[in-house]
Amino acid sequence: MPNELKEDKWYHGISRYQWLVLTIASLGWVFDVFEGQIFVASMNEAMPSLVAPETTKGQQALYNNIALGAFLIGGALGGIGFGALSDRIGRKKTMSLTILFYSFFTCLSAFSQDWWQLAGFRFLVALGVGGEWAVASTLVAESFPPKARARVGSIFHASSVLGTYLAILAGAFIIGNESIQEYAREAGHPSLPWRIGFALGVVPSFLIIWIRRSMKEPESWQHAQEAAKEDSSQKMGTISDLLLPEFIKSTCIGVLLAAIGLATFWGVHIYGKNVFLNAVKADYAVEHFQDQPDVPAEETKAYFETINPTLKKWEMLGMFLATTGGGLGLLAFGPICEWFGRRGAFFLFHVGGLISSIILFQVLSNTVVIGCFLPVFGFLTLGMHAGYAIYFPELYPTRLRGTGTGFCFNAGRILAAPILFIGGWMQKDWGYTMAQTATILSMLYIIGAILPYFAKETKGSALME
C-alpha cells in the first residue's frame, strides 16, 4: 500500500534532467516577464520624462497604452515566428535566440529619447518575449509525463511572479530610490533611475551559456524531425496546418482564450496597483489638506511631487500584493484543472476575474480593505494564464506543438492590442476614469467564461505524437 500511494504522487519518477529543464525554462520566463513588467513599474516616471512638459495626463495615458499595445503586437509576431522556428531548428537553439533578443533590446530601451522610441523598443523586446514563452512552455510539456504536466505547467507559468517581483524591487529601490533620484537631479539627468532599471535587462543574456551547455532537444522532437524527412505531409512548423479541419477549432478557441487573458491583464489586472495608489493619495491629501478645503490644483500637484519616493513605494506594494495573489492563482490552476478539467478551470477563473474586478474598481474605497483584497483580485485575474502553458501544447502533435502554442498565445496578443488603444482613448478623449475603463474592459471575462463550453477537454490525455 505505501508503494502504491507513492506511485500516485505526480512528482514520483521525475528525473534530475526533467527538473533541470523546468528550472531553465522557468528562469527564462522569469526574466522574460521582468522585461515586460519593468515598463509597468516605471511608466509613471519614464513617459513623463520623454514628452513635453505641457503634455496632459490623458495624452500620457494614451502613449503608455500605445507602448503596451506595441508590446502585445511585437510579442505576437515573435511568438508566432519563433514558435514555428522552434519546430524547425529545435527548442534549445530557439530559446537562446529569444533570450538574446529580449535582453539586448530591453537594455537599449534605457537610451530612449522620445516616447515613440520607447514604444518602438517595447515592440522589439516583445519579439523575444513572445517567442521565449512559446518555446519554453512547449519544452516543459514535452519533457514531463501526463500525470505531471498540469502541475509543472502551473509551476512554470507561476515563475513569472518572480520576474514581476524583480521589476517591483527595481521600481522600489532603484527607480524610486531617493538617493539615486537626488544624484540624478544634481547630475542633470533626472531620468537616470528608470533608465538604470531598463539597463538591467542585459542580465538574462548570461542564461544562454547554461542553456547551451546543459540542455538537449526532446526525443519527441527528434522523432518528429525524422518523420518529416520521410513524409512530406508531416512538415515541421507549418503555420497553415493549424487551420486543417482537425486543428482549426482548437486554434480559434486557443487564440480567443489568450486574447481575453492578455487584454484583461494589460487593461484590468495591472491597474489594481493604481486603485491602491489612488486610495493612498487620497489619505495623504486628507491628512495634509484637511484644514484647506479649496486647495489649488498646482499646490496639490507640488505636494505629491515632494512625496513621490514615498508614493512609489506604496505603488510597488500594491503591485506586490496583486502579483503575489496572481502567483498563487497560477500555482492553483494546475491542481484545479486536474479536479475540474481544463474547461472547468478556465470557466471558474474567468467568472472570478469578472466579479473581483467589479468589486475592486467600483465597490471598495478604504485603503486597508483594498490592500487586503488585491491578492484575491490578482489570484482570480491572473490564474487562468497558467492554463495557456498547460492547455495549448496539448492541442497539437509534436511537429506543430511549438507553432500552435506560439500562435494561440501570440495571435491572442494581436487581438488584445486594439483593446489597449481603446482603453487609452477612453481615458484621453472619452472622459472615462481609469477605474471606469478597467471595469468596462473586465466585461471581456464574460466571453472567457463562455469559450470553454466549446473547447476540447484534454485532461489525462497523452501528448499527440
Protein backbone atom coordinates (compact mmCIF):
# COMPACT_ATOMS: atom_id res chain seq x y z
CA MET A 1 0.00 0.00 0.00
CA PRO A 2 2.71 2.62 0.84
CA ASN A 3 4.37 1.94 -2.52
CA GLU A 4 1.03 2.36 -4.33
CA LEU A 5 0.45 5.70 -2.64
CA LYS A 6 3.94 6.80 -3.59
CA GLU A 7 3.27 5.87 -7.21
CA ASP A 8 0.23 8.18 -7.21
CA LYS A 9 2.28 11.29 -6.47
CA TRP A 10 2.61 13.43 -9.59
CA TYR A 11 6.30 14.11 -8.97
CA HIS A 12 7.31 10.47 -8.44
CA GLY A 13 9.76 9.25 -11.06
CA ILE A 14 10.66 12.71 -12.37
CA SER A 15 14.34 12.68 -13.32
CA ARG A 16 17.00 15.20 -12.41
CA TYR A 17 17.24 16.31 -16.03
CA GLN A 18 13.49 16.95 -16.19
CA TRP A 19 13.76 19.21 -13.15
CA LEU A 20 16.68 20.95 -14.87
CA VAL A 21 14.51 21.61 -17.94
CA LEU A 22 11.79 23.09 -15.72
CA THR A 23 14.33 25.26 -13.90
CA ILE A 24 15.93 26.67 -17.05
CA ALA A 25 12.60 27.21 -18.79
CA SER A 26 11.23 28.94 -15.70
CA LEU A 27 14.28 31.20 -15.37
CA GLY A 28 13.88 32.20 -19.00
CA TRP A 29 10.24 33.03 -18.28
CA VAL A 30 11.18 34.91 -15.08
CA PHE A 31 13.47 37.26 -16.98
CA ASP A 32 11.00 37.34 -19.86
CA VAL A 33 8.35 38.75 -17.52
CA PHE A 34 10.83 41.14 -15.91
CA GLU A 35 11.48 42.68 -19.32
CA GLY A 36 7.74 43.24 -19.71
CA GLN A 37 6.96 44.38 -16.18
CA ILE A 38 9.86 46.82 -15.82
CA PHE A 39 7.87 49.14 -18.08
CA VAL A 40 4.77 48.77 -15.87
CA ALA A 41 6.91 49.52 -12.80
CA SER A 42 8.45 52.63 -14.39
CA MET A 43 5.92 54.03 -16.87
CA ASN A 44 4.74 56.73 -14.44
CA GLU A 45 8.33 58.05 -14.42
CA ALA A 46 9.55 57.11 -17.90
CA MET A 47 6.77 58.51 -20.06
CA PRO A 48 6.58 61.97 -18.41
CA SER A 49 10.34 62.37 -18.93
CA LEU A 50 10.03 61.60 -22.66
CA VAL A 51 7.21 64.02 -23.54
CA ALA A 52 6.81 67.80 -23.47
CA PRO A 53 6.02 69.34 -20.04
CA GLU A 54 2.63 70.56 -21.24
CA THR A 55 1.52 67.03 -22.21
CA THR A 56 -1.69 66.13 -20.37
CA LYS A 57 -2.16 63.02 -18.25
CA GLY A 58 -4.68 61.79 -20.81
CA GLN A 59 -2.08 62.04 -23.58
CA GLN A 60 0.49 60.28 -21.40
CA ALA A 61 -2.04 57.50 -20.74
CA LEU A 62 -2.52 57.16 -24.49
CA TYR A 63 1.25 56.97 -25.11
CA ASN A 64 1.59 54.36 -22.35
CA ASN A 65 -1.18 52.32 -23.93
CA ILE A 66 0.45 52.65 -27.36
CA ALA A 67 3.67 51.28 -25.83
CA LEU A 68 1.72 48.44 -24.20
CA GLY A 69 -0.06 47.77 -27.49
CA ALA A 70 3.27 47.75 -29.36
CA PHE A 71 4.49 45.20 -26.81
CA LEU A 72 1.49 42.97 -27.48
CA ILE A 73 1.88 43.17 -31.26
CA GLY A 74 5.63 42.52 -31.06
CA GLY A 75 5.03 39.58 -28.75
CA ALA A 76 2.50 38.18 -31.19
CA LEU A 77 4.85 38.31 -34.17
CA GLY A 78 7.78 37.00 -32.13
CA GLY A 79 5.78 34.20 -30.57
CA ILE A 80 4.39 33.01 -33.89
CA GLY A 81 7.72 33.32 -35.69
CA PHE A 82 9.96 31.86 -33.00
CA GLY A 83 7.36 29.17 -32.17
CA ALA A 84 7.45 27.93 -35.77
CA LEU A 85 11.24 28.24 -35.80
CA SER A 86 11.49 26.01 -32.72
CA ASP A 87 9.67 23.24 -34.59
CA ARG A 88 12.15 23.55 -37.43
CA ILE A 89 15.57 24.12 -35.79
CA GLY A 90 14.85 22.87 -32.27
CA ARG A 91 13.77 24.15 -28.85
CA LYS A 92 17.27 24.68 -27.46
CA LYS A 93 18.61 26.94 -30.23
CA THR A 94 15.42 28.98 -30.47
CA MET A 95 15.21 29.60 -26.73
CA SER A 96 18.74 31.01 -26.77
CA LEU A 97 17.82 33.34 -29.63
CA THR A 98 14.71 34.66 -27.88
CA ILE A 99 16.56 35.41 -24.63
CA LEU A 100 19.31 37.21 -26.53
CA PHE A 101 16.68 39.26 -28.36
CA TYR A 102 14.73 40.50 -25.34
CA SER A 103 17.86 41.13 -23.24
CA PHE A 104 19.53 43.27 -25.90
CA PHE A 105 16.54 45.48 -26.69
CA THR A 106 15.48 45.98 -23.07
CA CYS A 107 18.96 47.31 -22.40
CA LEU A 108 18.73 49.59 -25.45
CA SER A 109 15.40 50.94 -24.12
CA ALA A 110 17.42 52.76 -21.47
CA PHE A 111 18.69 55.12 -24.18
CA SER A 112 15.24 56.23 -25.44
CA GLN A 113 14.95 59.98 -26.08
CA ASP A 114 11.27 60.23 -27.06
CA TRP A 115 8.09 58.33 -26.24
CA TRP A 116 7.85 56.74 -29.69
CA GLN A 117 11.40 55.39 -29.36
CA LEU A 118 10.48 53.67 -26.08
CA ALA A 119 7.34 52.27 -27.73
CA GLY A 120 9.47 51.01 -30.64
CA PHE A 121 11.92 49.30 -28.30
CA ARG A 122 8.97 47.71 -26.46
CA PHE A 123 7.93 46.21 -29.78
CA LEU A 124 11.42 44.75 -30.35
CA VAL A 125 11.71 43.45 -26.78
CA ALA A 126 8.37 41.72 -27.20
CA LEU A 127 9.57 39.79 -30.25
CA GLY A 128 11.87 37.83 -27.94
CA VAL A 129 9.46 37.78 -25.01
CA GLY A 130 6.64 36.22 -27.04
CA GLY A 131 9.00 33.69 -28.59
CA GLU A 132 10.56 32.58 -25.30
CA TRP A 133 7.22 31.68 -23.75
CA ALA A 134 6.14 29.65 -26.77
CA VAL A 135 9.37 27.65 -26.81
CA ALA A 136 9.70 27.19 -23.05
CA SER A 137 6.10 26.06 -22.48
CA THR A 138 6.41 23.56 -25.34
CA LEU A 139 9.70 22.26 -23.98
CA VAL A 140 8.24 21.75 -20.49
CA ALA A 141 5.16 19.94 -21.85
CA GLU A 142 7.31 17.59 -23.95
CA SER A 143 9.68 16.79 -21.08
CA PHE A 144 7.16 15.55 -18.49
CA PRO A 145 4.65 12.65 -18.34
CA PRO A 146 0.87 13.29 -18.44
CA LYS A 147 0.41 12.91 -14.68
CA ALA A 148 2.84 15.77 -14.01
CA ARG A 149 2.11 18.03 -16.98
CA ALA A 150 -0.58 20.23 -15.41
CA ARG A 151 1.39 20.76 -12.20
CA VAL A 152 4.70 21.60 -13.88
CA GLY A 153 2.87 23.79 -16.39
CA SER A 154 1.46 25.76 -13.46
CA ILE A 155 4.85 25.93 -11.76
CA PHE A 156 6.46 27.11 -14.99
CA HIS A 157 3.92 29.87 -15.57
CA ALA A 158 3.81 30.84 -11.88
CA SER A 159 7.54 31.55 -12.01
CA SER A 160 6.51 34.71 -13.85
CA VAL A 161 5.72 36.16 -10.44
CA LEU A 162 9.45 36.18 -9.65
CA GLY A 163 10.00 38.30 -12.75
CA THR A 164 7.37 40.76 -11.56
CA TYR A 165 8.99 40.78 -8.11
CA LEU A 166 12.30 41.72 -9.73
CA ALA A 167 10.54 44.58 -11.52
CA ILE A 168 8.94 45.64 -8.24
CA LEU A 169 12.33 45.64 -6.49
CA ALA A 170 13.78 47.70 -9.33
CA GLY A 171 10.82 50.08 -9.07
CA ALA A 172 11.04 50.47 -5.30
CA PHE A 173 14.79 50.50 -4.75
CA ILE A 174 16.22 51.89 -8.00
CA ILE A 175 13.55 53.87 -9.84
CA GLY A 176 12.01 55.11 -6.57
CA ASN A 177 15.28 55.38 -4.64
CA GLU A 178 15.61 58.87 -3.12
CA SER A 179 19.41 58.84 -3.14
CA ILE A 180 19.58 57.81 -6.79
CA GLN A 181 16.92 60.38 -7.69
CA GLU A 182 18.80 63.15 -5.87
CA TYR A 183 22.08 62.19 -7.54
CA ALA A 184 20.35 62.10 -10.94
CA ARG A 185 18.87 65.58 -10.45
CA GLU A 186 22.18 67.04 -9.34
CA ALA A 187 23.91 65.43 -12.31
CA GLY A 188 21.36 66.95 -14.66
CA HIS A 189 19.90 63.57 -15.67
CA PRO A 190 16.63 63.21 -13.71
CA SER A 191 15.53 60.27 -15.87
CA LEU A 192 18.56 58.19 -14.83
CA PRO A 193 16.73 55.94 -12.26
CA TRP A 194 14.25 54.43 -14.73
CA ARG A 195 16.98 54.10 -17.35
CA ILE A 196 19.04 52.02 -14.92
CA GLY A 197 16.00 49.77 -14.45
CA PHE A 198 15.87 49.07 -18.18
CA ALA A 199 19.65 48.63 -18.44
CA LEU A 200 19.36 45.67 -16.04
CA GLY A 201 17.66 43.83 -18.88
CA VAL A 202 21.03 42.71 -20.18
CA VAL A 203 21.46 40.27 -17.25
CA PRO A 204 19.33 37.38 -18.66
CA SER A 205 21.66 37.03 -21.64
CA PHE A 206 24.04 35.08 -19.40
CA LEU A 207 21.39 32.35 -19.10
CA ILE A 208 22.19 31.40 -22.69
CA ILE A 209 25.51 29.88 -21.58
CA TRP A 210 23.70 27.47 -19.24
CA ILE A 211 21.18 26.54 -21.92
CA ARG A 212 23.87 25.75 -24.46
CA ARG A 213 25.82 23.59 -22.00
CA SER A 214 23.04 21.74 -20.16
CA MET A 215 20.07 21.15 -22.42
CA LYS A 216 19.30 18.77 -25.27
CA GLU A 217 16.46 18.50 -27.73
CA PRO A 218 13.41 16.44 -26.59
CA GLU A 219 13.27 12.92 -28.05
CA SER A 220 9.75 13.58 -29.38
CA TRP A 221 11.07 16.50 -31.44
CA GLN A 222 13.94 14.39 -32.80
CA HIS A 223 11.50 11.65 -33.85
CA ALA A 224 9.23 14.22 -35.49
CA GLN A 225 12.22 15.56 -37.42
CA GLU A 226 12.99 12.09 -38.74
CA ALA A 227 9.34 11.54 -39.69
CA ALA A 228 9.25 14.87 -41.54
CA LYS A 229 12.24 13.81 -43.67
CA GLU A 230 10.49 10.60 -44.68
CA ASP A 231 6.99 12.03 -45.19
CA SER A 232 6.44 15.46 -46.79
CA SER A 233 2.93 15.66 -45.30
CA GLN A 234 4.46 15.75 -41.80
CA LYS A 235 6.34 19.02 -42.26
CA MET A 236 7.62 20.72 -39.12
CA GLY A 237 6.36 24.15 -38.10
CA THR A 238 3.90 24.86 -40.91
CA ILE A 239 1.56 27.60 -39.72
CA SER A 240 -1.06 26.87 -42.37
CA ASP A 241 -1.50 23.35 -40.93
CA LEU A 242 -3.05 24.93 -37.83
CA LEU A 243 -6.09 25.61 -39.99
CA LEU A 244 -6.55 21.98 -41.02
CA PRO A 245 -10.01 20.59 -40.11
CA GLU A 246 -8.65 18.59 -37.15
CA PHE A 247 -6.98 21.66 -35.59
CA ILE A 248 -8.92 24.77 -36.63
CA LYS A 249 -11.49 24.70 -33.80
CA SER A 250 -8.82 24.29 -31.13
CA THR A 251 -6.73 27.02 -32.75
CA CYS A 252 -9.60 29.51 -32.76
CA ILE A 253 -10.56 28.80 -29.15
CA GLY A 254 -6.92 28.96 -28.03
CA VAL A 255 -6.42 32.32 -29.72
CA LEU A 256 -9.58 33.74 -28.16
CA LEU A 257 -8.71 32.48 -24.68
CA ALA A 258 -5.28 34.10 -24.92
CA ALA A 259 -6.77 37.33 -26.30
CA ILE A 260 -9.17 37.61 -23.36
CA GLY A 261 -6.42 36.88 -20.83
CA LEU A 262 -3.91 39.32 -22.32
CA ALA A 263 -6.42 42.12 -22.91
CA THR A 264 -7.64 41.88 -19.33
CA PHE A 265 -4.11 41.57 -17.96
CA TRP A 266 -2.96 44.82 -19.59
CA GLY A 267 -6.34 46.55 -19.40
CA VAL A 268 -7.56 45.39 -15.97
CA HIS A 269 -5.05 43.46 -13.83
CA ILE A 270 -2.14 45.94 -13.97
CA TYR A 271 -4.39 48.77 -12.76
CA GLY A 272 -5.05 47.07 -9.43
CA LYS A 273 -1.97 48.82 -8.05
CA ASN A 274 -3.32 52.16 -9.29
CA VAL A 275 -6.53 51.74 -7.27
CA PHE A 276 -4.38 51.15 -4.19
CA LEU A 277 -2.11 54.11 -5.01
CA ASN A 278 -5.08 56.45 -5.57
CA ALA A 279 -6.54 55.44 -2.21
CA VAL A 280 -3.18 56.15 -0.54
CA LYS A 281 -3.01 59.55 -2.27
CA ALA A 282 -6.50 60.38 -1.05
CA ASP A 283 -5.46 59.54 2.51
CA TYR A 284 -2.34 61.72 2.23
CA ALA A 285 -4.40 64.58 0.76
CA VAL A 286 -6.98 64.41 3.57
CA GLU A 287 -4.23 64.41 6.18
CA HIS A 288 -2.23 67.26 4.62
CA PHE A 289 -5.04 69.50 3.40
CA GLN A 290 -7.72 68.75 6.00
CA ASP A 291 -7.86 72.41 7.05
CA GLN A 292 -7.76 73.71 3.47
CA PRO A 293 -10.95 72.69 1.65
CA ASP A 294 -10.23 74.62 -1.58
CA VAL A 295 -6.64 73.78 -2.49
CA PRO A 296 -5.38 74.87 -5.94
CA ALA A 297 -4.52 72.00 -8.27
CA GLU A 298 -0.96 73.31 -8.65
CA GLU A 299 -0.40 73.12 -4.89
CA THR A 300 -1.78 69.58 -4.72
CA LYS A 301 0.45 68.52 -7.60
CA ALA A 302 3.51 70.12 -5.97
CA TYR A 303 2.79 68.33 -2.68
CA PHE A 304 2.58 64.91 -4.31
CA GLU A 305 5.81 65.59 -6.20
CA THR A 306 7.61 66.20 -2.89
CA ILE A 307 6.48 62.83 -1.52
CA ASN A 308 6.91 60.94 -4.81
CA PRO A 309 9.51 58.43 -3.46
CA THR A 310 7.08 57.52 -0.66
CA LEU A 311 4.20 57.14 -3.11
CA LYS A 312 6.38 54.99 -5.38
CA LYS A 313 6.90 52.51 -2.58
CA TRP A 314 3.13 52.37 -1.96
CA GLU A 315 2.57 51.82 -5.67
CA MET A 316 5.08 48.95 -5.68
CA LEU A 317 3.40 47.48 -2.58
CA GLY A 318 0.12 47.41 -4.48
CA MET A 319 1.83 45.72 -7.41
CA PHE A 320 3.43 43.21 -5.00
CA LEU A 321 0.08 42.32 -3.40
CA ALA A 322 -1.69 41.78 -6.72
CA THR A 323 1.27 39.84 -8.11
CA THR A 324 1.52 37.59 -5.05
CA GLY A 325 -2.15 36.70 -5.35
CA GLY A 326 -1.63 36.16 -9.07
CA GLY A 327 1.25 33.77 -8.40
CA LEU A 328 -0.91 31.71 -6.07
CA GLY A 329 -3.61 31.65 -8.74
CA LEU A 330 -1.13 30.40 -11.33
CA LEU A 331 0.04 27.63 -8.99
CA ALA A 332 -3.55 26.71 -8.16
CA PHE A 333 -4.67 26.40 -11.78
CA GLY A 334 -2.79 23.09 -12.23
CA PRO A 335 -4.49 21.20 -9.38
CA ILE A 336 -7.84 22.85 -10.15
CA CYS A 337 -7.74 21.75 -13.79
CA GLU A 338 -6.91 18.22 -12.61
CA TRP A 339 -10.01 18.27 -10.39
CA PHE A 340 -12.46 20.04 -12.71
CA GLY A 341 -10.81 19.59 -16.10
CA ARG A 342 -9.21 22.26 -18.30
CA ARG A 343 -12.58 23.66 -19.35
CA GLY A 344 -13.93 23.87 -15.80
CA ALA A 345 -10.84 25.67 -14.53
CA PHE A 346 -10.99 28.29 -17.29
CA PHE A 347 -14.68 28.90 -16.53
CA LEU A 348 -14.14 29.34 -12.79
CA PHE A 349 -11.24 31.78 -13.16
CA HIS A 350 -12.98 33.95 -15.76
CA VAL A 351 -16.11 34.28 -13.63
CA GLY A 352 -13.95 35.04 -10.61
CA GLY A 353 -11.97 37.64 -12.59
CA LEU A 354 -15.16 39.49 -13.53
CA ILE A 355 -16.58 39.55 -10.01
CA SER A 356 -13.29 40.59 -8.35
CA SER A 357 -12.72 43.38 -10.90
CA ILE A 358 -16.14 44.92 -10.30
CA ILE A 359 -15.60 44.76 -6.54
CA LEU A 360 -12.15 46.37 -6.71
CA PHE A 361 -12.87 49.15 -9.21
CA GLN A 362 -16.45 50.00 -8.25
CA VAL A 363 -17.12 48.97 -4.65
CA LEU A 364 -14.03 49.31 -2.45
CA SER A 365 -12.62 52.66 -1.31
CA ASN A 366 -10.86 52.05 2.01
CA THR A 367 -7.07 51.74 1.59
CA VAL A 368 -6.64 48.86 4.04
CA VAL A 369 -9.54 46.89 2.55
CA ILE A 370 -8.19 47.43 -0.96
CA GLY A 371 -4.75 46.21 0.14
CA CYS A 372 -6.27 43.07 1.67
CA PHE A 373 -8.39 42.42 -1.43
CA LEU A 374 -5.61 42.89 -4.01
CA PRO A 375 -4.23 39.32 -3.57
CA VAL A 376 -7.74 37.93 -4.18
CA PHE A 377 -8.08 40.16 -7.25
CA GLY A 378 -4.66 39.02 -8.51
CA PHE A 379 -5.48 35.34 -7.88
CA LEU A 380 -8.64 35.48 -9.99
CA THR A 381 -7.48 37.81 -12.78
CA LEU A 382 -4.11 36.12 -13.43
CA GLY A 383 -4.57 32.44 -12.56
CA MET A 384 -6.05 31.44 -15.95
CA HIS A 385 -2.77 32.37 -17.66
CA ALA A 386 -1.21 29.14 -16.37
CA GLY A 387 -3.82 27.35 -18.45
CA TYR A 388 -2.19 28.55 -21.66
CA ALA A 389 1.08 26.80 -20.80
CA ILE A 390 -0.84 23.66 -19.81
CA TYR A 391 -3.58 23.55 -22.43
CA PHE A 392 -2.12 24.86 -25.70
CA PRO A 393 0.70 22.27 -26.05
CA GLU A 394 -1.90 19.52 -25.53
CA LEU A 395 -3.85 20.61 -28.62
CA TYR A 396 -1.21 19.78 -31.27
CA PRO A 397 1.15 16.99 -32.39
CA THR A 398 4.90 17.37 -31.92
CA ARG A 399 5.55 18.69 -35.43
CA LEU A 400 3.17 21.61 -34.76
CA ARG A 401 3.41 21.98 -30.99
CA GLY A 402 5.73 24.98 -30.87
CA THR A 403 3.95 26.55 -33.82
CA GLY A 404 0.46 26.01 -32.39
CA THR A 405 1.34 27.02 -28.83
CA GLY A 406 3.08 30.16 -30.06
CA PHE A 407 0.31 31.00 -32.50
CA CYS A 408 -2.52 30.67 -29.96
CA PHE A 409 -0.83 32.72 -27.28
CA ASN A 410 0.56 35.36 -29.58
CA ALA A 411 -2.21 35.74 -32.11
CA GLY A 412 -4.15 36.49 -28.94
CA ARG A 413 -1.78 39.42 -28.41
CA ILE A 414 -2.76 40.84 -31.81
CA LEU A 415 -6.45 40.67 -30.92
CA ALA A 416 -5.74 42.16 -27.48
CA ALA A 417 -3.67 45.12 -28.72
CA PRO A 418 -6.63 47.20 -30.05
CA ILE A 419 -8.29 46.86 -26.65
CA LEU A 420 -5.39 48.76 -25.10
CA PHE A 421 -5.58 51.53 -27.69
CA ILE A 422 -9.31 51.77 -26.96
CA GLY A 423 -8.56 51.93 -23.25
CA GLY A 424 -6.17 54.82 -23.86
CA TRP A 425 -8.73 56.71 -25.95
CA MET A 426 -11.42 56.09 -23.34
CA GLN A 427 -9.32 57.98 -20.79
CA LYS A 428 -7.91 60.65 -23.14
CA ASP A 429 -10.84 61.53 -25.40
CA TRP A 430 -13.97 59.99 -23.93
CA GLY A 431 -13.58 61.21 -20.34
CA TYR A 432 -13.62 57.84 -18.57
CA THR A 433 -11.59 57.39 -15.39
CA MET A 434 -9.06 54.59 -15.01
CA ALA A 435 -11.47 52.66 -12.76
CA GLN A 436 -14.35 53.02 -15.22
CA THR A 437 -12.16 51.94 -18.13
CA ALA A 438 -10.89 48.85 -16.28
CA THR A 439 -14.44 47.93 -15.23
CA ILE A 440 -15.71 48.12 -18.81
CA LEU A 441 -12.78 46.04 -20.11
CA SER A 442 -13.41 43.43 -17.39
CA MET A 443 -16.64 42.53 -19.24
CA LEU A 444 -14.35 40.55 -21.56
CA TYR A 445 -14.23 37.90 -18.82
CA ILE A 446 -17.81 37.01 -19.76
CA ILE A 447 -16.61 35.85 -23.19
CA GLY A 448 -13.78 33.94 -21.49
CA ALA A 449 -16.31 32.12 -19.30
CA ILE A 450 -18.38 31.07 -22.35
CA LEU A 451 -15.49 29.82 -24.53
CA PRO A 452 -14.68 26.65 -22.50
CA TYR A 453 -18.13 25.27 -23.35
CA PHE A 454 -16.94 24.85 -26.96
CA ALA A 455 -13.38 23.73 -26.12
CA LYS A 456 -11.81 20.28 -26.29
CA GLU A 457 -11.12 18.61 -22.92
CA THR A 458 -7.56 17.23 -22.67
CA LYS A 459 -7.39 16.21 -19.03
CA GLY A 460 -5.40 12.99 -18.57
CA SER A 461 -4.55 12.59 -22.26
CA ALA A 462 -1.06 11.92 -23.62
CA LEU A 463 0.54 14.45 -25.95
CA MET A 464 -0.11 13.78 -29.62
CA GLU A 465 2.92 12.40 -31.46
